[in-house]
Amino acid sequence: MSRMRGQQGSALVLIIGVVAALAVLASSLVLLTVNVAGNTSRDRGRAKAFNVTEALIDHALSRVGQKWPGPSSADMTFTGSEMTDFVGRFDSSEFATPVVSITYFDNQNMNGDYDMNGDPVINFLDAAVPGSAKDANNDGLICIEAQAQVGKQKARIQVVARKRMLETGVPHGIAVATDGDIYSNNQKTPIGATPPNGYMGDFTGLTIKAGGTIDPTSYDPPFFPPPDSVQPGVQGATDSVITPAIRQSIIDAAKMAGTWYSDIASEQAAGAKPIPDANTNPTAFEGLVVIETLSSVPLNGNVDLNGTGVGVNKMPGILVVIGPHTMYPDEPSKADVSGGIDIGGTANYFGLVYTDGPITGVGTMNIIGMAVAKGSVDFKGNRRIDYNDNVIANLKQVVQVGAQIVPDTWRQIQAR
């Protein structure tokens, strides 16, 4: 009996040891579970903050892609209403209420060295103009810094953005293209070129295309050497210069940039602005401008419009005057075209003019660049269309279709 009692005591000690070991394991498992849950929650919070920050960068790229904040524009700001709309895209039960910010500022140089104050932290304090929320140095680059906080976790990203431009594919060397006729009653030949030793560029042999006839008094022979430079009877002359696809891209870009104008009530209700007066508000006709109308649009005034894009000059412009049929080519009910462009005044328009109607008028206004018209081109007065290759080459800097991140500039940096 005494031996059995001793064995029972040993068994009790063994049971107590096993229970103690299980308790330690259970405690360790609980602690591990708590730690894992905490780490998982923290990692999920970090992932959410990062995802919201990336969405902020995309939002900012969309904004500067729609309308680039150039030197003369108002400063970019992430407004309260914009912030509310952005935060409203996220499920509050999953993301709580994210705290978000976007800061825009000018870049410093083209060498990729953005830590200009040597702190060494890359942020808006490194801006060439600290706090400047636009492309103040007009180099087509702007820095974007975004930060988001979800719960207790933060993320912060900085990128350098640049414009994404439309390659128009406009052929070089064509002064005028029309699906109609080219007339002239000038004593001076109205189609020529700017001086070949000036800023015209390399094209001294030019071309005129017309679906109909070309008045031999309408062009300056030295600039249009035979036999192929004067081309009457060309089917689809205008579409060979501005393709329908490129034309539609130009229209879409103007709508996105807010430079779409119309005197048609339904179009104004859809977002078009009233047509400006080139004589009293010439700057409204600079850059990319699309006007939808059934009437003709006067291109007049005594102030030069746009620039050649050479040196410190601003870029040339693109003026498009069209009717509903060209604006909505796939809608059978939209059958009307515009009344075209009526040129007057005494100044210069640097760029490309396009219309689905005629180009007419009396005056001494010069178009320095290229003219394209579905209707006929009728020259009167002393006006000229002077081809300029530098202007045509710089059309690729006129139509912005978005913004993109400059390679190797994406950085995740320490959150503030």
Protein backbone atom coordinates (compact mmCIF):
# COMPACT_ATOMS: atom_id res chain seq x y z
CA MET A 1 0.00 0.00 0.00
CA SER A 2 2.78 2.41 0.88
CA ARG A 3 4.39 1.75 -2.52
CA MET A 4 1.16 2.60 -4.34
CA ARG A 5 0.77 5.80 -2.34
CA GLY A 6 4.27 6.86 -3.39
CA GLN A 7 3.46 6.19 -7.03
CA GLN A 8 0.24 8.23 -6.70
CA GLY A 9 2.31 11.18 -5.45
CA SER A 10 4.62 10.89 -8.44
CA ALA A 11 1.63 10.89 -10.78
CA LEU A 12 0.30 14.06 -9.15
CA VAL A 13 3.63 15.80 -9.66
CA LEU A 14 3.63 14.70 -13.30
CA ILE A 15 0.08 16.00 -13.83
CA ILE A 16 0.94 19.33 -12.23
CA GLY A 17 3.98 19.61 -14.52
CA VAL A 18 1.93 18.86 -17.60
CA VAL A 19 -0.72 21.39 -16.60
CA ALA A 20 1.97 24.02 -15.96
CA ALA A 21 3.54 23.33 -19.35
CA LEU A 22 0.18 23.61 -21.06
CA ALA A 23 -0.48 26.87 -19.22
CA VAL A 24 2.85 28.28 -20.43
CA LEU A 25 2.09 27.16 -23.99
CA ALA A 26 -1.40 28.63 -23.79
CA SER A 27 -0.02 31.92 -22.50
CA SER A 28 2.59 31.97 -25.26
CA LEU A 29 -0.08 31.21 -27.86
CA VAL A 30 -2.28 34.02 -26.57
CA LEU A 31 0.65 36.41 -26.60
CA LEU A 32 1.64 35.32 -30.10
CA THR A 33 -1.95 35.69 -31.31
CA VAL A 34 -2.21 39.17 -29.83
CA ASN A 35 1.11 40.19 -31.40
CA VAL A 36 0.18 38.74 -34.77
CA ALA A 37 -3.20 40.44 -34.65
CA GLY A 38 -1.52 43.73 -33.74
CA ASN A 39 1.05 43.36 -36.50
CA THR A 40 -1.64 42.39 -38.99
CA SER A 41 -3.75 45.38 -38.01
CA ARG A 42 -0.73 47.67 -38.27
CA ASP A 43 0.27 46.21 -41.64
CA ARG A 44 -3.28 46.58 -42.92
CA GLY A 45 -3.29 50.18 -41.71
CA ARG A 46 0.00 50.84 -43.47
CA ALA A 47 -1.30 49.24 -46.66
CA LYS A 48 -4.48 51.32 -46.50
CA ALA A 49 -2.52 54.53 -45.93
CA PHE A 50 -0.21 53.66 -48.81
CA ASN A 51 -3.13 52.85 -51.13
CA VAL A 52 -4.87 56.13 -50.29
CA THR A 53 -1.61 58.03 -50.89
CA GLU A 54 -1.15 56.40 -54.30
CA ALA A 55 -4.74 57.37 -55.11
CA LEU A 56 -3.88 60.95 -54.12
CA ILE A 57 -0.96 60.94 -56.57
CA ASP A 58 -3.27 59.67 -59.33
CA HIS A 59 -5.78 62.39 -58.45
CA ALA A 60 -3.10 65.07 -58.59
CA LEU A 61 -1.79 63.77 -61.93
CA SER A 62 -5.32 63.96 -63.29
CA ARG A 63 -5.63 67.57 -62.18
CA VAL A 64 -2.35 68.80 -63.67
CA GLY A 65 -3.07 66.67 -66.73
CA GLN A 66 -6.32 68.47 -67.36
CA LYS A 67 -4.88 71.95 -66.97
CA TRP A 68 -1.20 72.49 -66.42
CA PRO A 69 -0.37 75.06 -63.71
CA GLY A 70 1.91 77.28 -65.77
CA PRO A 71 3.67 80.48 -64.64
CA SER A 72 0.69 82.72 -65.40
CA SER A 73 -1.98 80.43 -63.90
CA ALA A 74 -3.33 80.51 -60.38
CA ASP A 75 -1.57 78.43 -57.75
CA MET A 76 -2.68 74.81 -57.49
CA THR A 77 -4.41 73.98 -54.21
CA PHE A 78 -6.09 70.89 -52.82
CA THR A 79 -9.35 72.58 -51.90
CA GLY A 80 -11.67 71.57 -49.09
CA SER A 81 -14.47 70.52 -51.45
CA GLU A 82 -12.02 68.55 -53.55
CA MET A 83 -10.71 66.84 -50.43
CA THR A 84 -14.25 65.96 -49.31
CA ASP A 85 -15.05 64.46 -52.71
CA PHE A 86 -11.83 62.45 -52.66
CA VAL A 87 -12.33 61.06 -49.15
CA GLY A 88 -15.92 60.17 -50.03
CA ARG A 89 -14.64 57.57 -52.51
CA PHE A 90 -13.47 55.33 -49.67
CA ASP A 91 -15.72 53.09 -47.58
CA SER A 92 -15.83 54.70 -44.15
CA SER A 93 -16.33 51.33 -42.45
CA GLU A 94 -13.06 50.12 -43.91
CA PHE A 95 -10.97 53.29 -44.04
CA ALA A 96 -12.53 55.31 -41.21
CA THR A 97 -11.99 58.91 -42.34
CA PRO A 98 -8.59 59.29 -44.03
CA VAL A 99 -6.64 62.47 -43.36
CA VAL A 100 -5.20 63.52 -46.71
CA SER A 101 -3.07 66.27 -48.22
CA ILE A 102 -1.58 67.16 -51.59
CA THR A 103 1.19 69.72 -52.03
CA TYR A 104 2.25 71.00 -55.45
CA PHE A 105 5.53 72.85 -55.91
CA ASP A 106 7.95 73.78 -58.64
CA ASN A 107 10.93 71.55 -59.36
CA GLN A 108 14.49 72.81 -59.05
CA ASN A 109 16.46 71.74 -62.10
CA MET A 110 16.71 69.13 -64.82
CA ASN A 111 19.49 67.07 -63.18
CA GLY A 112 17.39 64.94 -60.85
CA ASP A 113 18.91 66.51 -57.72
CA TYR A 114 15.91 67.79 -55.81
CA ASP A 115 17.38 68.11 -52.29
CA MET A 116 18.41 71.70 -52.89
CA ASN A 117 18.62 72.88 -49.29
CA GLY A 118 20.71 69.90 -48.14
CA ASP A 119 18.62 69.12 -45.03
CA PRO A 120 18.71 66.08 -46.31
CA VAL A 121 14.95 65.65 -46.70
CA ILE A 122 13.21 65.99 -50.05
CA ASN A 123 10.06 68.04 -49.67
CA PHE A 124 8.41 71.27 -50.66
CA LEU A 125 11.11 73.26 -48.85
CA ASP A 126 13.43 72.30 -51.72
CA ALA A 127 11.31 74.19 -54.23
CA ALA A 128 12.96 76.88 -56.35
CA VAL A 129 10.17 79.14 -55.17
CA PRO A 130 9.21 77.65 -51.76
CA GLY A 131 5.49 77.20 -51.51
CA SER A 132 4.95 77.87 -55.22
CA ALA A 133 2.10 75.63 -56.28
CA LYS A 134 2.68 75.86 -60.03
CA ASP A 135 5.29 75.39 -62.73
CA ALA A 136 6.89 78.75 -62.00
CA ASN A 137 10.00 78.19 -64.13
CA ASN A 138 7.89 76.95 -67.08
CA ASP A 139 10.01 73.87 -67.79
CA GLY A 140 7.04 71.51 -67.98
CA LEU A 141 7.86 69.83 -64.65
CA ILE A 142 6.15 70.09 -61.29
CA CYS A 143 6.61 68.20 -58.00
CA ILE A 144 3.68 66.53 -56.27
CA GLU A 145 3.78 65.43 -52.66
CA ALA A 146 0.88 63.42 -51.20
CA GLN A 147 0.28 62.09 -47.69
CA ALA A 148 -2.52 60.06 -46.14
CA GLN A 149 -3.24 58.86 -42.62
CA VAL A 150 -5.58 55.95 -41.98
CA GLY A 151 -6.04 55.30 -38.29
CA LYS A 152 -2.60 55.67 -36.75
CA GLN A 153 -0.68 54.78 -39.91
CA LYS A 154 0.72 57.30 -42.40
CA ALA A 155 2.26 57.14 -45.85
CA ARG A 156 3.86 59.86 -47.96
CA ILE A 157 4.90 59.80 -51.62
CA GLN A 158 6.62 62.37 -53.82
CA VAL A 159 6.87 62.37 -57.62
CA VAL A 160 7.88 64.74 -60.38
CA ALA A 161 5.22 65.09 -63.08
CA ARG A 162 5.52 66.28 -66.63
CA LYS A 163 3.05 67.08 -69.37
CA ARG A 164 1.92 64.33 -71.74
CA MET A 165 1.42 65.98 -75.11
CA LEU A 166 -0.45 64.96 -78.26
CA GLU A 167 1.75 64.21 -81.24
CA THR A 168 -0.39 65.88 -83.91
CA GLY A 169 1.46 64.37 -86.84
CA VAL A 170 0.90 67.57 -88.85
CA PRO A 171 3.10 67.26 -91.96
CA HIS A 172 5.77 69.87 -92.49
CA GLY A 173 5.93 72.15 -95.49
CA ILE A 174 2.19 72.60 -96.20
CA ALA A 175 1.10 76.23 -96.07
CA VAL A 176 -2.60 75.78 -96.92
CA ALA A 177 -4.86 72.76 -97.31
CA THR A 178 -8.52 72.99 -98.31
CA ASP A 179 -11.20 70.68 -99.68
CA GLY A 180 -12.53 73.62 -101.67
CA ASP A 181 -10.95 76.29 -103.89
CA ILE A 182 -8.30 78.92 -103.21
CA TYR A 183 -9.16 82.38 -104.50
CA SER A 184 -7.34 85.69 -104.47
CA ASN A 185 -8.03 89.22 -105.62
CA ASN A 186 -4.85 90.55 -104.07
CA GLN A 187 -2.24 92.51 -105.86
CA LYS A 188 0.10 90.90 -103.37
CA THR A 189 0.35 87.12 -103.38
CA PRO A 190 -1.19 86.13 -100.03
CA ILE A 191 0.39 82.69 -99.49
CA GLY A 192 4.10 82.62 -98.80
CA ALA A 193 6.54 82.15 -95.98
CA THR A 194 8.43 84.12 -93.41
CA PRO A 195 11.98 85.00 -94.50
CA PRO A 196 14.02 81.82 -95.09
CA ASN A 197 16.96 83.33 -93.22
CA GLY A 198 14.79 84.42 -90.33
CA TYR A 199 12.87 82.03 -88.09
CA MET A 200 11.14 80.05 -90.81
CA GLY A 201 13.24 76.93 -90.37
CA ASP A 202 14.50 74.65 -93.11
CA PHE A 203 11.44 74.49 -95.36
CA THR A 204 11.82 76.89 -98.26
CA GLY A 205 10.00 74.62 -100.73
CA LEU A 206 6.33 74.55 -99.72
CA THR A 207 3.10 72.87 -100.82
CA ILE A 208 -0.52 73.97 -101.28
CA LYS A 209 -3.30 71.36 -101.41
CA ALA A 210 -6.86 71.97 -102.63
CA GLY A 211 -9.78 69.73 -103.47
CA GLY A 212 -10.82 72.27 -106.12
CA THR A 213 -8.89 74.89 -108.06
CA ILE A 214 -6.00 77.12 -106.99
CA ASP A 215 -5.82 80.70 -108.23
CA PRO A 216 -2.27 81.17 -109.60
CA THR A 217 -2.16 84.68 -108.12
CA SER A 218 -2.74 83.33 -104.61
CA TYR A 219 0.77 82.07 -103.90
CA ASP A 220 4.31 83.37 -104.03
CA PRO A 221 6.09 81.29 -106.74
CA PRO A 222 9.61 81.34 -105.24
CA PHE A 223 8.34 79.40 -102.23
CA PHE A 224 6.36 76.86 -104.30
CA PRO A 225 8.68 75.39 -106.91
CA PRO A 226 7.12 73.19 -109.62
CA PRO A 227 6.03 70.59 -110.43
CA ASP A 228 4.37 69.15 -107.31
CA SER A 229 4.16 72.02 -104.85
CA VAL A 230 0.79 73.34 -106.10
CA GLN A 231 -1.72 70.48 -105.93
CA PRO A 232 -5.33 71.13 -107.08
CA GLY A 233 -7.94 68.38 -107.22
CA VAL A 234 -6.65 66.52 -104.17
CA GLN A 235 -9.36 64.35 -102.62
CA GLY A 236 -9.39 64.51 -98.81
CA ALA A 237 -6.80 67.29 -98.72
CA THR A 238 -7.64 68.47 -95.22
CA ASP A 239 -7.84 64.97 -93.72
CA SER A 240 -4.36 64.29 -95.04
CA VAL A 241 -3.09 67.15 -92.87
CA ILE A 242 -5.32 66.80 -89.78
CA THR A 243 -6.71 63.28 -89.54
CA PRO A 244 -10.20 62.83 -88.04
CA ALA A 245 -8.66 60.94 -85.10
CA ILE A 246 -6.19 63.74 -84.31
CA ARG A 247 -8.94 66.32 -84.74
CA GLN A 248 -11.08 64.48 -82.19
CA SER A 249 -8.15 64.28 -79.78
CA ILE A 250 -7.70 68.04 -80.10
CA ILE A 251 -11.41 68.60 -79.40
CA ASP A 252 -11.32 66.31 -76.35
CA ALA A 253 -8.21 68.07 -75.01
CA ALA A 254 -9.88 71.49 -75.31
CA LYS A 255 -12.94 70.22 -73.44
CA MET A 256 -10.70 68.83 -70.70
CA ALA A 257 -8.71 72.08 -70.48
CA GLY A 258 -11.81 74.30 -70.40
CA THR A 259 -11.02 76.04 -73.70
CA TRP A 260 -14.13 74.83 -75.52
CA TYR A 261 -16.49 77.62 -76.56
CA SER A 262 -19.92 77.69 -78.20
CA ASP A 263 -22.90 79.94 -78.80
CA ILE A 264 -25.23 76.91 -78.93
CA ALA A 265 -27.39 76.80 -75.80
CA SER A 266 -27.33 73.01 -75.42
CA GLU A 267 -23.53 73.02 -75.63
CA GLN A 268 -23.21 75.77 -73.05
CA ALA A 269 -25.43 73.68 -70.80
CA ALA A 270 -22.97 70.81 -71.36
CA GLY A 271 -20.00 72.92 -70.28
CA ALA A 272 -18.98 75.08 -73.25
CA LYS A 273 -18.11 78.71 -72.49
CA PRO A 274 -19.56 81.65 -74.45
CA ILE A 275 -17.48 82.56 -77.49
CA PRO A 276 -15.03 85.38 -76.65
CA ASP A 277 -14.28 88.40 -78.82
CA ALA A 278 -10.76 88.27 -80.28
CA ASN A 279 -10.68 92.04 -80.58
CA THR A 280 -11.54 92.83 -76.94
CA ASN A 281 -10.22 89.64 -75.34
CA PRO A 282 -7.32 88.45 -77.49
CA THR A 283 -5.71 86.23 -74.86
CA ALA A 284 -8.77 83.96 -74.96
CA PHE A 285 -7.68 82.99 -78.47
CA GLU A 286 -4.21 81.91 -77.42
CA GLY A 287 -3.09 78.31 -77.01
CA LEU A 288 -5.56 75.54 -77.78
CA VAL A 289 -9.03 76.90 -78.57
CA VAL A 290 -12.01 74.98 -79.99
CA ILE A 291 -15.11 76.94 -81.00
CA GLU A 292 -18.37 75.21 -81.97
CA THR A 293 -20.80 77.43 -83.83
CA LEU A 294 -23.04 77.68 -86.87
CA SER A 295 -21.74 81.18 -87.59
CA SER A 296 -18.35 82.48 -88.68
CA VAL A 297 -15.81 83.47 -86.04
CA PRO A 298 -13.88 86.73 -86.45
CA LEU A 299 -10.13 86.35 -85.96
CA ASN A 300 -9.23 90.00 -85.67
CA GLY A 301 -7.60 92.60 -83.49
CA ASN A 302 -4.28 94.41 -83.38
CA VAL A 303 -2.41 92.26 -80.87
CA ASP A 304 -0.15 89.35 -81.86
CA LEU A 305 -1.47 86.01 -80.62
CA ASN A 306 0.67 83.14 -79.32
CA GLY A 307 4.40 82.74 -79.96
CA THR A 308 6.77 80.76 -82.13
CA GLY A 309 8.12 78.60 -79.32
CA VAL A 310 11.66 79.68 -80.23
CA GLY A 311 13.88 80.86 -77.37
CA VAL A 312 11.91 82.51 -74.61
CA ASN A 313 8.81 82.93 -76.75
CA LYS A 314 5.63 81.15 -75.71
CA MET A 315 4.28 78.28 -77.76
CA PRO A 316 2.14 78.69 -80.91
CA GLY A 317 -1.59 78.06 -80.79
CA ILE A 318 -4.24 75.88 -82.43
CA LEU A 319 -7.58 77.48 -83.30
CA VAL A 320 -10.37 75.10 -84.36
CA VAL A 321 -13.72 76.48 -85.57
CA ILE A 322 -16.27 73.76 -86.32
CA GLY A 323 -19.98 73.02 -86.39
CA PRO A 324 -21.95 70.26 -84.65
CA HIS A 325 -21.35 67.78 -87.49
CA THR A 326 -17.59 67.88 -86.94
CA MET A 327 -17.94 67.99 -83.17
CA TYR A 328 -20.15 64.87 -83.22
CA PRO A 329 -19.35 63.04 -86.49
CA ASP A 330 -21.10 59.83 -85.40
CA GLU A 331 -24.45 61.48 -84.64
CA PRO A 332 -26.65 61.68 -87.80
CA SER A 333 -28.78 64.46 -86.28
CA LYS A 334 -25.72 66.74 -86.14
CA ALA A 335 -25.47 67.81 -89.78
CA ASP A 336 -24.35 71.45 -89.69
CA VAL A 337 -20.89 72.91 -90.13
CA SER A 338 -19.59 76.29 -89.03
CA GLY A 339 -19.49 79.53 -90.97
CA GLY A 340 -15.70 79.33 -90.85
CA ILE A 341 -13.11 81.93 -89.89
CA ASP A 342 -13.30 85.60 -90.88
CA ILE A 343 -9.84 87.13 -90.68
CA GLY A 344 -9.33 90.84 -90.02
CA GLY A 345 -7.22 93.19 -87.96
CA THR A 346 -3.57 94.08 -88.35
CA ALA A 347 -1.77 91.56 -86.15
CA ASN A 348 -0.24 88.07 -86.41
CA TYR A 349 -1.64 84.72 -85.33
CA PHE A 350 1.18 82.23 -84.69
CA GLY A 351 -0.04 78.68 -85.08
CA LEU A 352 -2.47 76.41 -86.91
CA VAL A 353 -6.02 77.42 -87.82
CA TYR A 354 -8.56 74.74 -88.76
CA THR A 355 -12.20 75.05 -89.74
CA ASP A 356 -14.86 72.86 -91.32
CA GLY A 357 -16.11 76.01 -93.07
CA PRO A 358 -14.35 78.58 -95.26
CA ILE A 359 -11.59 81.06 -94.44
CA THR A 360 -12.54 84.54 -95.64
CA GLY A 361 -12.23 88.18 -94.70
CA VAL A 362 -10.51 91.45 -95.39
CA GLY A 363 -7.59 92.89 -93.46
CA THR A 364 -3.89 92.60 -92.90
CA MET A 365 -3.90 89.83 -90.30
CA ASN A 366 -1.13 87.28 -90.96
CA ILE A 367 -1.40 83.62 -90.02
CA ILE A 368 2.17 82.58 -89.28
CA GLY A 369 2.06 78.81 -89.51
CA MET A 370 -0.59 76.85 -91.43
CA ALA A 371 -4.24 77.16 -92.50
CA VAL A 372 -6.57 74.17 -93.02
CA ALA A 373 -10.20 74.58 -94.16
CA LYS A 374 -12.86 72.15 -95.33
CA GLY A 375 -14.47 75.06 -97.17
CA SER A 376 -12.83 77.36 -99.67
CA VAL A 377 -10.09 79.87 -98.85
CA ASP A 378 -10.80 83.35 -100.22
CA PHE A 379 -8.10 86.00 -99.79
CA LYS A 380 -8.76 89.70 -99.91
CA GLY A 381 -6.92 92.74 -98.67
CA ASN A 382 -3.25 92.50 -97.80
CA ARG A 383 -3.54 89.49 -95.58
CA ARG A 384 -1.04 86.62 -95.94
CA ILE A 385 -0.67 83.09 -94.73
CA ASP A 386 3.03 82.66 -94.08
CA TYR A 387 4.26 79.14 -93.48
CA ASN A 388 6.71 78.87 -90.58
CA ASP A 389 8.31 75.52 -89.83
CA ASN A 390 9.35 76.41 -86.29
CA VAL A 391 5.71 77.10 -85.49
CA ILE A 392 4.63 73.75 -86.94
CA ALA A 393 7.41 71.90 -85.11
CA ASN A 394 6.28 73.39 -81.80
CA LEU A 395 2.65 72.35 -82.22
CA LYS A 396 3.64 69.20 -80.34
CA GLN A 397 3.88 71.41 -77.22
CA VAL A 398 0.35 72.81 -77.55
CA VAL A 399 -2.15 70.00 -76.96
CA GLN A 400 -1.85 68.45 -73.51
CA VAL A 401 -3.64 65.13 -73.12
CA GLY A 402 -2.51 64.28 -69.59
CA ALA A 403 0.39 64.15 -67.18
CA GLN A 404 2.78 61.38 -66.26
CA ILE A 405 5.43 60.63 -63.66
CA VAL A 406 9.01 61.34 -64.72
CA PRO A 407 10.90 58.02 -64.57
CA ASP A 408 13.01 57.42 -61.45
CA THR A 409 11.38 60.26 -59.47
CA TRP A 410 8.81 58.19 -57.50
CA ARG A 411 9.83 58.18 -53.84
CA GLN A 412 8.18 57.00 -50.65
CA ILE A 413 9.49 59.34 -47.99
CA GLN A 414 9.12 59.81 -44.25
CA ALA A 415 5.60 60.89 -43.33
CA ARG A 416 5.21 64.14 -41.44
